[in-house]
């Protein structure tokens, strides 16, 4: 099937071009969505990329949640469409209430930019190309990536199978439960701090990010079957 993917760009986004590249490498059709615009065409998936939307004033993602584009993201998610937020995109999805929890300053208050090891914690629209517990090598680049949620919320995430990716061999930001990525209860909205779009080509250090995009492609193919 032909997949159409929209990528939102905010003032301060710095990973939108990486996401554009990933979409093109998957041979999907790219739709560029500016933060002031509403989505005017039907798409299969929307990506909310990383960066520093609106300069990260107030809190990371706190202003971006009010953008016109995010209204389209919320509507797409409500229809069951796939949404994936990476790094700042994860922060925005939490601020918008599309995902539970919040992202806080890293443990040690330092910006971390390096490759990490993740494990696929379940089988979902975002992991079906992996075996459960399969390890992926994916880079991170964030200063506020420590996922936080209260004990009741954490128990709910575990009980509902909403934890999608966890950190292995070291939790560099101090996230509760070693959580690197979660999804909503419906299973169509993912937020993750590591950058799979930066792990698409061997020339750049690794290709494990392709598994995330292939999982989305598999999930969409089943819907379209």
C-alpha atoms as a PDB file:
ATOM      1  CA  UNK A   1       0.000   0.000   0.000  1.00  0.00           C
ATOM      2  CA  UNK A   2       1.033   3.617  -0.496  1.00  0.00           C
ATOM      3  CA  UNK A   3       1.570   5.299   2.882  1.00  0.00           C
ATOM      4  CA  UNK A   4       1.174   9.021   3.346  1.00  0.00           C
ATOM      5  CA  UNK A   5       2.987  10.550   6.330  1.00  0.00           C
ATOM      6  CA  UNK A   6       2.735  14.100   7.666  1.00  0.00           C
ATOM      7  CA  UNK A   7       5.594  15.693   9.612  1.00  0.00           C
ATOM      8  CA  UNK A   8       4.822  18.737  11.760  1.00  0.00           C
ATOM      9  CA  UNK A   9       7.334  21.601  11.924  1.00  0.00           C
ATOM     10  CA  UNK A  10       7.324  24.139  14.753  1.00  0.00           C
ATOM     11  CA  UNK A  11       9.537  27.198  15.209  1.00  0.00           C
ATOM     12  CA  UNK A  12      12.558  25.572  16.848  1.00  0.00           C
ATOM     13  CA  UNK A  13      12.114  22.083  15.375  1.00  0.00           C
ATOM     14  CA  UNK A  14      15.520  20.671  14.468  1.00  0.00           C
ATOM     15  CA  UNK A  15      14.686  17.045  13.698  1.00  0.00           C
ATOM     16  CA  UNK A  16      11.971  17.570  11.121  1.00  0.00           C
ATOM     17  CA  UNK A  17      14.470  17.202   8.276  1.00  0.00           C
ATOM     18  CA  UNK A  18      15.696  13.920   9.771  1.00  0.00           C
ATOM     19  CA  UNK A  19      12.098  12.710   9.849  1.00  0.00           C
ATOM     20  CA  UNK A  20      11.574  13.851   6.256  1.00  0.00           C
ATOM     21  CA  UNK A  21      14.594  11.769   5.280  1.00  0.00           C
ATOM     22  CA  UNK A  22      13.296   8.718   7.155  1.00  0.00           C
ATOM     23  CA  UNK A  23       9.899   8.972   5.455  1.00  0.00           C
ATOM     24  CA  UNK A  24      11.555   9.165   2.036  1.00  0.00           C
ATOM     25  CA  UNK A  25      13.845   6.226   2.828  1.00  0.00           C
ATOM     26  CA  UNK A  26      10.711   4.202   3.594  1.00  0.00           C
ATOM     27  CA  UNK A  27       9.369   5.262   0.171  1.00  0.00           C
ATOM     28  CA  UNK A  28       6.344   6.863   1.802  1.00  0.00           C
ATOM     29  CA  UNK A  29       4.684  10.025   0.545  1.00  0.00           C
ATOM     30  CA  UNK A  30       5.713  13.060   2.623  1.00  0.00           C
ATOM     31  CA  UNK A  31       3.304  15.818   3.672  1.00  0.00           C
ATOM     32  CA  UNK A  32       4.883  18.831   5.388  1.00  0.00           C
ATOM     33  CA  UNK A  33       2.671  20.412   8.048  1.00  0.00           C
ATOM     34  CA  UNK A  34       3.546  23.883   9.380  1.00  0.00           C
ATOM     35  CA  UNK A  35       2.534  24.565  12.998  1.00  0.00           C
ATOM     36  CA  UNK A  36       0.096  27.343  12.031  1.00  0.00           C
ATOM     37  CA  UNK A  37      -1.755  25.183   9.524  1.00  0.00           C
ATOM     38  CA  UNK A  38      -4.478  22.583   9.828  1.00  0.00           C
ATOM     39  CA  UNK A  39      -4.085  19.272   8.052  1.00  0.00           C
ATOM     40  CA  UNK A  40      -6.234  19.501   4.930  1.00  0.00           C
ATOM     41  CA  UNK A  41      -5.681  16.049   3.451  1.00  0.00           C
ATOM     42  CA  UNK A  42      -5.994  12.493   4.609  1.00  0.00           C
ATOM     43  CA  UNK A  43      -2.790  10.873   5.885  1.00  0.00           C
ATOM     44  CA  UNK A  44      -1.968   7.526   7.457  1.00  0.00           C
ATOM     45  CA  UNK A  45       0.506   8.646  10.102  1.00  0.00           C
ATOM     46  CA  UNK A  46       1.600  11.924  11.679  1.00  0.00           C
ATOM     47  CA  UNK A  47       5.074  12.470  13.112  1.00  0.00           C
ATOM     48  CA  UNK A  48       5.752  15.124  15.755  1.00  0.00           C
ATOM     49  CA  UNK A  49       9.544  15.544  15.594  1.00  0.00           C
ATOM     50  CA  UNK A  50      12.196  16.605  18.048  1.00  0.00           C
ATOM     51  CA  UNK A  51      13.780  19.963  18.665  1.00  0.00           C
ATOM     52  CA  UNK A  52      12.950  22.969  20.791  1.00  0.00           C
ATOM     53  CA  UNK A  53       9.409  23.974  19.776  1.00  0.00           C
ATOM     54  CA  UNK A  54       8.788  27.658  20.515  1.00  0.00           C
ATOM     55  CA  UNK A  55      12.180  27.767  22.206  1.00  0.00           C
ATOM     56  CA  UNK A  56      11.004  25.415  24.987  1.00  0.00           C
ATOM     57  CA  UNK A  57       9.644  28.430  26.860  1.00  0.00           C
ATOM     58  CA  UNK A  58       7.555  27.685  29.982  1.00  0.00           C
ATOM     59  CA  UNK A  59       8.015  23.911  29.647  1.00  0.00           C
ATOM     60  CA  UNK A  60       9.087  21.746  26.754  1.00  0.00           C
ATOM     61  CA  UNK A  61       6.033  21.341  24.542  1.00  0.00           C
ATOM     62  CA  UNK A  62       3.787  23.559  26.681  1.00  0.00           C
ATOM     63  CA  UNK A  63       3.253  26.125  23.922  1.00  0.00           C
ATOM     64  CA  UNK A  64       3.301  23.724  20.987  1.00  0.00           C
ATOM     65  CA  UNK A  65       0.245  21.911  22.336  1.00  0.00           C
ATOM     66  CA  UNK A  66      -1.887  24.965  21.458  1.00  0.00           C
ATOM     67  CA  UNK A  67      -0.817  25.128  17.808  1.00  0.00           C
ATOM     68  CA  UNK A  68      -3.352  24.673  15.039  1.00  0.00           C
ATOM     69  CA  UNK A  69      -1.411  21.694  13.721  1.00  0.00           C
ATOM     70  CA  UNK A  70      -1.735  19.901  17.061  1.00  0.00           C
ATOM     71  CA  UNK A  71      -5.510  20.158  16.824  1.00  0.00           C
ATOM     72  CA  UNK A  72      -5.216  18.169  13.593  1.00  0.00           C
ATOM     73  CA  UNK A  73      -2.912  15.695  15.349  1.00  0.00           C
ATOM     74  CA  UNK A  74      -5.461  15.178  18.119  1.00  0.00           C
ATOM     75  CA  UNK A  75      -8.281  14.717  15.612  1.00  0.00           C
ATOM     76  CA  UNK A  76      -6.220  12.202  13.640  1.00  0.00           C
ATOM     77  CA  UNK A  77      -5.472  10.257  16.829  1.00  0.00           C
ATOM     78  CA  UNK A  78      -9.141  10.311  17.847  1.00  0.00           C
ATOM     79  CA  UNK A  79     -10.024   8.696  14.518  1.00  0.00           C
ATOM     80  CA  UNK A  80      -7.571   5.906  15.267  1.00  0.00           C
ATOM     81  CA  UNK A  81      -4.790   7.249  13.063  1.00  0.00           C
ATOM     82  CA  UNK A  82      -1.202   6.537  14.003  1.00  0.00           C
ATOM     83  CA  UNK A  83       0.774   9.330  15.689  1.00  0.00           C
ATOM     84  CA  UNK A  84       4.409   9.172  16.737  1.00  0.00           C
ATOM     85  CA  UNK A  85       6.192  11.863  18.745  1.00  0.00           C
ATOM     86  CA  UNK A  86       9.956  11.725  19.157  1.00  0.00           C
ATOM     87  CA  UNK A  87      11.931  13.586  21.854  1.00  0.00           C
ATOM     88  CA  UNK A  88      10.325  17.059  21.911  1.00  0.00           C
ATOM     89  CA  UNK A  89       7.422  15.403  20.105  1.00  0.00           C
ATOM     90  CA  UNK A  90       6.997  13.045  23.085  1.00  0.00           C
ATOM     91  CA  UNK A  91       6.977  16.069  25.393  1.00  0.00           C
ATOM     92  CA  UNK A  92       4.343  17.767  23.230  1.00  0.00           C
ATOM     93  CA  UNK A  93       2.084  14.689  23.192  1.00  0.00           C
ATOM     94  CA  UNK A  94       2.209  14.543  26.996  1.00  0.00           C
ATOM     95  CA  UNK A  95       1.468  18.256  27.294  1.00  0.00           C
ATOM     96  CA  UNK A  96      -1.450  17.837  24.878  1.00  0.00           C
ATOM     97  CA  UNK A  97      -2.907  15.032  26.977  1.00  0.00           C
ATOM     98  CA  UNK A  98      -2.541  12.451  24.227  1.00  0.00           C
ATOM     99  CA  UNK A  99      -0.175  10.488  26.460  1.00  0.00           C
ATOM    100  CA  UNK A 100       0.068  10.272  30.276  1.00  0.00           C
ATOM    101  CA  UNK A 101       3.011  11.386  32.378  1.00  0.00           C
ATOM    102  CA  UNK A 102       5.552  14.147  31.875  1.00  0.00           C
ATOM    103  CA  UNK A 103       9.179  14.633  30.883  1.00  0.00           C
ATOM    104  CA  UNK A 104      11.534  16.335  33.355  1.00  0.00           C
ATOM    105  CA  UNK A 105      15.182  17.340  33.476  1.00  0.00           C
ATOM    106  CA  UNK A 106      17.598  14.448  33.120  1.00  0.00           C
ATOM    107  CA  UNK A 107      19.093  12.936  36.224  1.00  0.00           C
ATOM    108  CA  UNK A 108      22.309  14.856  36.829  1.00  0.00           C
ATOM    109  CA  UNK A 109      20.826  17.836  34.935  1.00  0.00           C
ATOM    110  CA  UNK A 110      23.055  17.157  31.939  1.00  0.00           C
ATOM    111  CA  UNK A 111      22.232  17.019  28.225  1.00  0.00           C
ATOM    112  CA  UNK A 112      22.837  13.485  26.940  1.00  0.00           C
ATOM    113  CA  UNK A 113      23.704  12.878  23.296  1.00  0.00           C
ATOM    114  CA  UNK A 114      24.837   9.313  22.575  1.00  0.00           C
ATOM    115  CA  UNK A 115      23.747   5.910  21.347  1.00  0.00           C
ATOM    116  CA  UNK A 116      21.745   3.773  23.773  1.00  0.00           C
ATOM    117  CA  UNK A 117      20.250   0.295  23.801  1.00  0.00           C
ATOM    118  CA  UNK A 118      16.483  -0.145  23.891  1.00  0.00           C
ATOM    119  CA  UNK A 119      14.347  -3.234  24.276  1.00  0.00           C
ATOM    120  CA  UNK A 120      10.989  -3.750  22.575  1.00  0.00           C
ATOM    121  CA  UNK A 121       8.687  -4.338  25.538  1.00  0.00           C
ATOM    122  CA  UNK A 122       5.633  -5.635  23.678  1.00  0.00           C
ATOM    123  CA  UNK A 123       4.094  -6.362  20.299  1.00  0.00           C
ATOM    124  CA  UNK A 124       2.309  -3.294  18.989  1.00  0.00           C
ATOM    125  CA  UNK A 125       1.914  -1.033  15.973  1.00  0.00           C
ATOM    126  CA  UNK A 126       5.363   0.313  16.852  1.00  0.00           C
ATOM    127  CA  UNK A 127       7.223  -2.925  17.634  1.00  0.00           C
ATOM    128  CA  UNK A 128       5.718  -5.709  15.509  1.00  0.00           C
ATOM    129  CA  UNK A 129       8.835  -5.896  13.320  1.00  0.00           C
ATOM    130  CA  UNK A 130      10.816  -6.822  16.450  1.00  0.00           C
ATOM    131  CA  UNK A 131      10.783  -9.806  18.741  1.00  0.00           C
ATOM    132  CA  UNK A 132       9.682  -9.058  22.303  1.00  0.00           C
ATOM    133  CA  UNK A 133      12.770  -8.010  24.306  1.00  0.00           C
ATOM    134  CA  UNK A 134      14.768  -7.583  21.108  1.00  0.00           C
ATOM    135  CA  UNK A 135      17.443  -4.944  21.608  1.00  0.00           C
ATOM    136  CA  UNK A 136      17.773  -1.918  19.323  1.00  0.00           C
ATOM    137  CA  UNK A 137      20.629   0.552  19.175  1.00  0.00           C
ATOM    138  CA  UNK A 138      19.158   4.060  18.833  1.00  0.00           C
ATOM    139  CA  UNK A 139      20.633   7.528  19.600  1.00  0.00           C
ATOM    140  CA  UNK A 140      19.317   9.995  22.164  1.00  0.00           C
ATOM    141  CA  UNK A 141      19.800  13.776  22.294  1.00  0.00           C
ATOM    142  CA  UNK A 142      17.893  15.477  25.105  1.00  0.00           C
ATOM    143  CA  UNK A 143      18.163  17.465  28.302  1.00  0.00           C
ATOM    144  CA  UNK A 144      14.623  16.846  29.566  1.00  0.00           C
ATOM    145  CA  UNK A 145      13.948  13.204  28.845  1.00  0.00           C
ATOM    146  CA  UNK A 146      13.363  11.777  32.304  1.00  0.00           C
ATOM    147  CA  UNK A 147       9.905  10.234  32.079  1.00  0.00           C
ATOM    148  CA  UNK A 148       7.883  10.683  35.244  1.00  0.00           C
ATOM    149  CA  UNK A 149       4.525   9.331  36.331  1.00  0.00           C
ATOM    150  CA  UNK A 150       3.136   8.494  39.766  1.00  0.00           C
ATOM    151  CA  UNK A 151       3.021   4.951  41.111  1.00  0.00           C
ATOM    152  CA  UNK A 152      -0.626   4.480  40.178  1.00  0.00           C
ATOM    153  CA  UNK A 153       0.043   5.695  36.639  1.00  0.00           C
ATOM    154  CA  UNK A 154       3.076   3.438  36.297  1.00  0.00           C
ATOM    155  CA  UNK A 155       1.053   0.436  37.431  1.00  0.00           C
ATOM    156  CA  UNK A 156      -1.588   1.344  34.851  1.00  0.00           C
ATOM    157  CA  UNK A 157       1.001   1.586  32.065  1.00  0.00           C
ATOM    158  CA  UNK A 158       2.326  -1.827  32.983  1.00  0.00           C
ATOM    159  CA  UNK A 159      -1.103  -3.378  33.411  1.00  0.00           C
ATOM    160  CA  UNK A 160      -2.413  -2.021  30.091  1.00  0.00           C
ATOM    161  CA  UNK A 161       0.733  -2.956  28.163  1.00  0.00           C
ATOM    162  CA  UNK A 162       1.438   0.673  27.270  1.00  0.00           C
ATOM    163  CA  UNK A 163       5.198   0.548  27.813  1.00  0.00           C
ATOM    164  CA  UNK A 164       6.645   0.168  24.322  1.00  0.00           C
ATOM    165  CA  UNK A 165      10.409   0.642  24.706  1.00  0.00           C
ATOM    166  CA  UNK A 166      12.677   0.471  27.753  1.00  0.00           C
ATOM    167  CA  UNK A 167      16.329   1.369  28.272  1.00  0.00           C
ATOM    168  CA  UNK A 168      18.785  -1.517  28.548  1.00  0.00           C
ATOM    169  CA  UNK A 169      22.337  -1.500  29.901  1.00  0.00           C
ATOM    170  CA  UNK A 170      21.945   1.930  31.489  1.00  0.00           C
ATOM    171  CA  UNK A 171      19.173   4.467  32.055  1.00  0.00           C
ATOM    172  CA  UNK A 172      20.992   7.722  31.282  1.00  0.00           C
ATOM    173  CA  UNK A 173      18.173  10.132  32.101  1.00  0.00           C
ATOM    174  CA  UNK A 174      16.661   8.493  35.169  1.00  0.00           C
ATOM    175  CA  UNK A 175      13.237   7.680  33.686  1.00  0.00           C
ATOM    176  CA  UNK A 176      10.927   5.799  36.031  1.00  0.00           C
ATOM    177  CA  UNK A 177      10.736   2.114  35.153  1.00  0.00           C
ATOM    178  CA  UNK A 178      13.538   2.584  32.591  1.00  0.00           C
ATOM    179  CA  UNK A 179      10.828   3.802  30.215  1.00  0.00           C
ATOM    180  CA  UNK A 180      12.003   5.074  26.827  1.00  0.00           C
ATOM    181  CA  UNK A 181       8.636   5.064  25.052  1.00  0.00           C
ATOM    182  CA  UNK A 182       4.926   4.621  25.816  1.00  0.00           C
ATOM    183  CA  UNK A 183       1.681   4.479  23.869  1.00  0.00           C
ATOM    184  CA  UNK A 184      -1.925   5.330  24.658  1.00  0.00           C
ATOM    185  CA  UNK A 185      -4.441   2.678  25.694  1.00  0.00           C
ATOM    186  CA  UNK A 186      -5.787   2.477  22.150  1.00  0.00           C
ATOM    187  CA  UNK A 187      -2.322   1.660  20.859  1.00  0.00           C
ATOM    188  CA  UNK A 188      -2.169   4.236  18.058  1.00  0.00           C
ATOM    189  CA  UNK A 189      -0.161   7.064  19.692  1.00  0.00           C
ATOM    190  CA  UNK A 190       3.511   6.589  20.603  1.00  0.00           C
ATOM    191  CA  UNK A 191       5.916   8.898  22.369  1.00  0.00           C
ATOM    192  CA  UNK A 192       9.605   8.020  22.679  1.00  0.00           C
ATOM    193  CA  UNK A 193      12.717   9.966  23.614  1.00  0.00           C
ATOM    194  CA  UNK A 194      15.305   8.123  21.443  1.00  0.00           C
ATOM    195  CA  UNK A 195      15.503   9.062  17.756  1.00  0.00           C
ATOM    196  CA  UNK A 196      14.774   6.127  15.398  1.00  0.00           C
ATOM    197  CA  UNK A 197      14.792   8.538  12.443  1.00  0.00           C
ATOM    198  CA  UNK A 198      18.514   9.040  13.101  1.00  0.00           C
ATOM    199  CA  UNK A 199      19.194   5.306  12.921  1.00  0.00           C
ATOM    200  CA  UNK A 200      18.021   4.595   9.385  1.00  0.00           C
ATOM    201  CA  UNK A 201      21.325   4.332   7.511  1.00  0.00           C
ATOM    202  CA  UNK A 202      24.523   2.418   8.233  1.00  0.00           C
ATOM    203  CA  UNK A 203      26.528   5.458   7.161  1.00  0.00           C
ATOM    204  CA  UNK A 204      25.132   7.347  10.158  1.00  0.00           C
ATOM    205  CA  UNK A 205      25.884   4.608  12.675  1.00  0.00           C
ATOM    206  CA  UNK A 206      23.101   2.052  12.522  1.00  0.00           C
ATOM    207  CA  UNK A 207      19.823   0.928  10.965  1.00  0.00           C
ATOM    208  CA  UNK A 208      17.789  -0.343  13.929  1.00  0.00           C
ATOM    209  CA  UNK A 209      15.475   2.653  13.615  1.00  0.00           C
ATOM    210  CA  UNK A 210      14.082   1.058  10.473  1.00  0.00           C
ATOM    211  CA  UNK A 211      12.354  -1.520  12.674  1.00  0.00           C
ATOM    212  CA  UNK A 212      10.166   1.181  14.221  1.00  0.00           C
ATOM    213  CA  UNK A 213       9.083   2.470  10.811  1.00  0.00           C
ATOM    214  CA  UNK A 214       8.614  -1.045   9.429  1.00  0.00           C
ATOM    215  CA  UNK A 215       6.365  -1.816  12.390  1.00  0.00           C
ATOM    216  CA  UNK A 216       4.171   1.167  11.535  1.00  0.00           C
ATOM    217  CA  UNK A 217       4.108   0.059   7.900  1.00  0.00           C
ATOM    218  CA  UNK A 218       3.069  -3.453   8.941  1.00  0.00           C
ATOM    219  CA  UNK A 219       0.296  -2.104  11.151  1.00  0.00           C
ATOM    220  CA  UNK A 220      -1.028   0.134   8.373  1.00  0.00           C
ATOM    221  CA  UNK A 221      -0.875  -2.712   5.864  1.00  0.00           C
ATOM    222  CA  UNK A 222      -3.122  -4.808   8.120  1.00  0.00           C
ATOM    223  CA  UNK A 223      -5.604  -1.952   8.400  1.00  0.00           C
ATOM    224  CA  UNK A 224      -5.653  -1.538   4.635  1.00  0.00           C
ATOM    225  CA  UNK A 225      -5.903  -5.249   3.920  1.00  0.00           C
END
